[in-house]
Protein backbone atom coordinates (compact mmCIF):
# COMPACT_ATOMS: atom_id res chain seq x y z
CA UNK A 1 -20.66 63.00 -39.09
CA UNK A 2 -18.39 61.00 -41.34
CA UNK A 3 -16.06 60.25 -38.11
CA UNK A 4 -18.94 58.92 -36.04
CA UNK A 5 -20.35 56.66 -38.92
CA UNK A 6 -16.95 55.14 -39.40
CA UNK A 7 -16.85 54.25 -35.48
CA UNK A 8 -20.28 52.89 -35.83
CA UNK A 9 -19.43 50.89 -39.03
CA UNK A 10 -16.06 49.66 -36.85
CA UNK A 11 -18.47 48.72 -33.90
CA UNK A 12 -20.76 46.58 -35.93
CA UNK A 13 -17.83 44.91 -37.53
CA UNK A 14 -16.49 44.03 -33.98
CA UNK A 15 -19.84 42.88 -32.82
CA UNK A 16 -20.16 40.76 -36.11
CA UNK A 17 -16.70 39.23 -35.46
CA UNK A 18 -17.50 38.71 -31.72
CA UNK A 19 -20.76 36.74 -32.63
CA UNK A 20 -18.95 34.62 -35.45
CA UNK A 21 -16.29 33.61 -32.93
CA UNK A 22 -18.75 32.75 -30.28
CA UNK A 23 -20.87 30.68 -32.77
CA UNK A 24 -17.73 28.79 -33.76
CA UNK A 25 -16.57 28.38 -30.03
CA UNK A 26 -20.33 26.79 -29.23
CA UNK A 27 -19.97 24.59 -32.63
CA UNK A 28 -16.45 23.43 -31.03
CA UNK A 29 -17.96 22.80 -27.59
CA UNK A 30 -20.69 20.77 -29.00
CA UNK A 31 -18.32 18.57 -31.01
CA UNK A 32 -15.89 18.24 -28.05
CA UNK A 33 -18.74 16.96 -25.87
CA UNK A 34 -20.27 14.57 -28.68
CA UNK A 35 -16.99 13.32 -29.42
CA UNK A 36 -16.71 12.21 -25.81
CA UNK A 37 -19.72 10.94 -25.44
CA UNK A 38 -19.34 8.63 -28.40
CA UNK A 39 -15.95 7.51 -27.58
CA UNK A 40 -17.18 6.61 -24.07
CA UNK A 41 -20.04 4.55 -25.77
CA UNK A 42 -17.68 2.75 -28.11
CA UNK A 43 -15.23 2.06 -25.44
CA UNK A 44 -18.06 0.63 -23.08
CA UNK A 45 -19.47 -1.30 -26.17
CA UNK A 46 -15.94 -2.86 -27.06
CA UNK A 47 -15.37 -3.98 -23.39
CA UNK A 48 -18.66 -5.34 -23.00
CA UNK A 49 -18.47 -7.38 -26.28
CA UNK A 50 -15.36 -8.85 -24.85
CA UNK A 51 -16.94 -9.55 -21.50
CA UNK A 52 -19.90 -11.22 -23.32
CA UNK A 53 -17.31 -13.71 -25.30
CA UNK A 54 -15.81 -14.36 -21.36
CA UNK A 55 -19.58 -15.02 -20.21
CA UNK A 56 -20.55 -17.25 -23.08
CA UNK A 57 -17.47 -19.49 -23.01
CA UNK A 58 -17.25 -19.52 -19.48
CA UNK A 59 -21.00 -20.51 -19.47
CA UNK A 60 -20.29 -23.50 -21.89
CA UNK A 61 -17.32 -24.58 -19.71
CA UNK A 62 -19.32 -24.68 -16.61
CA UNK A 63 -22.36 -26.13 -18.02
CA UNK A 64 -20.25 -28.88 -19.46
CA UNK A 65 -18.30 -29.34 -16.01
CA UNK A 66 -21.79 -29.59 -14.36
CA UNK A 67 -22.91 -32.29 -16.78
CA UNK A 68 -20.05 -34.38 -16.29
CA UNK A 69 -20.36 -33.95 -12.44
CA UNK A 70 -24.10 -34.70 -12.40
CA UNK A 71 -23.64 -37.37 -14.91
CA UNK A 72 -26.40 -36.36 -17.32
CA UNK A 73 -25.46 -34.40 -20.39
CA UNK A 74 -28.45 -31.98 -20.38
CA UNK A 75 -28.41 -31.30 -16.72
CA UNK A 76 -25.55 -28.89 -16.69
CA UNK A 77 -27.01 -26.51 -19.30
CA UNK A 78 -30.14 -26.43 -17.85
CA UNK A 79 -28.96 -25.29 -14.66
CA UNK A 80 -26.84 -22.81 -16.31
CA UNK A 81 -29.80 -21.43 -18.39
CA UNK A 82 -31.93 -21.58 -15.10
CA UNK A 83 -29.55 -19.18 -13.27
CA UNK A 84 -29.43 -16.81 -16.31
CA UNK A 85 -33.31 -16.82 -16.25
CA UNK A 86 -33.23 -15.95 -12.70
CA UNK A 87 -30.56 -13.06 -13.24
CA UNK A 88 -32.61 -11.88 -16.24
CA UNK A 89 -35.50 -11.66 -13.86
CA UNK A 90 -33.81 -9.63 -11.35
CA UNK A 91 -32.43 -7.31 -14.12
CA UNK A 92 -35.69 -6.71 -15.29
CA UNK A 93 -37.50 -6.10 -12.26
CA UNK A 94 -34.62 -3.94 -11.06
CA UNK A 95 -33.70 -2.46 -14.69
CA UNK A 96 -34.50 1.39 -13.72
CA UNK A 97 -32.14 1.35 -10.83
CA UNK A 98 -29.62 -1.06 -12.24
CA UNK A 99 -29.35 0.24 -15.98
CA UNK A 100 -31.40 3.31 -16.63
CA UNK A 101 -30.17 5.57 -14.12
CA UNK A 102 -26.38 4.98 -14.13
CA UNK A 103 -26.24 5.28 -17.92
CA UNK A 104 -28.20 8.80 -17.69
CA UNK A 105 -25.93 9.80 -14.72
CA UNK A 106 -22.74 8.81 -16.67
CA UNK A 107 -24.10 10.81 -19.77
CA UNK A 108 -24.67 13.70 -17.75
CA UNK A 109 -21.66 13.74 -15.82
CA UNK A 110 -19.49 13.17 -19.18
CA UNK A 111 -21.38 16.44 -20.53
CA UNK A 112 -20.95 18.52 -17.70
CA UNK A 113 -17.43 17.22 -16.85
CA UNK A 114 -15.83 19.78 -19.50
CA UNK A 115 -18.08 22.90 -17.81
CA UNK A 116 -16.64 22.19 -14.45
CA UNK A 117 -13.06 21.97 -15.85
CA UNK A 118 -13.54 25.48 -17.51
CA UNK A 119 -14.98 26.77 -14.22
CA UNK A 120 -12.02 25.62 -12.17
CA UNK A 121 -9.41 27.23 -14.59
């Protein structure tokens, strides 16, 4: 009886250890996926910020050039503002297709990218 009790006790110890290891593995997997998504978001934000600076300064330079070409100081800035308004309306109308779905797909791909790598190895 004592021998079988020791075997059961050893088995329960192994099961507890297995469960603890699986919980730790799940925590590490979640941390890895979260860090991948967060780092991707930070990288895209930084690149977007630099692109925004280029766009703003390029727009000012273009508006200034149009103003000189047309001869009226305000005309170039109004033309550039009109172009941005037109682009804003286009983006607003197609926001799901242009913004929402690509962002969702990128996040899902980033989250499932590690799962596919584990299955292939």
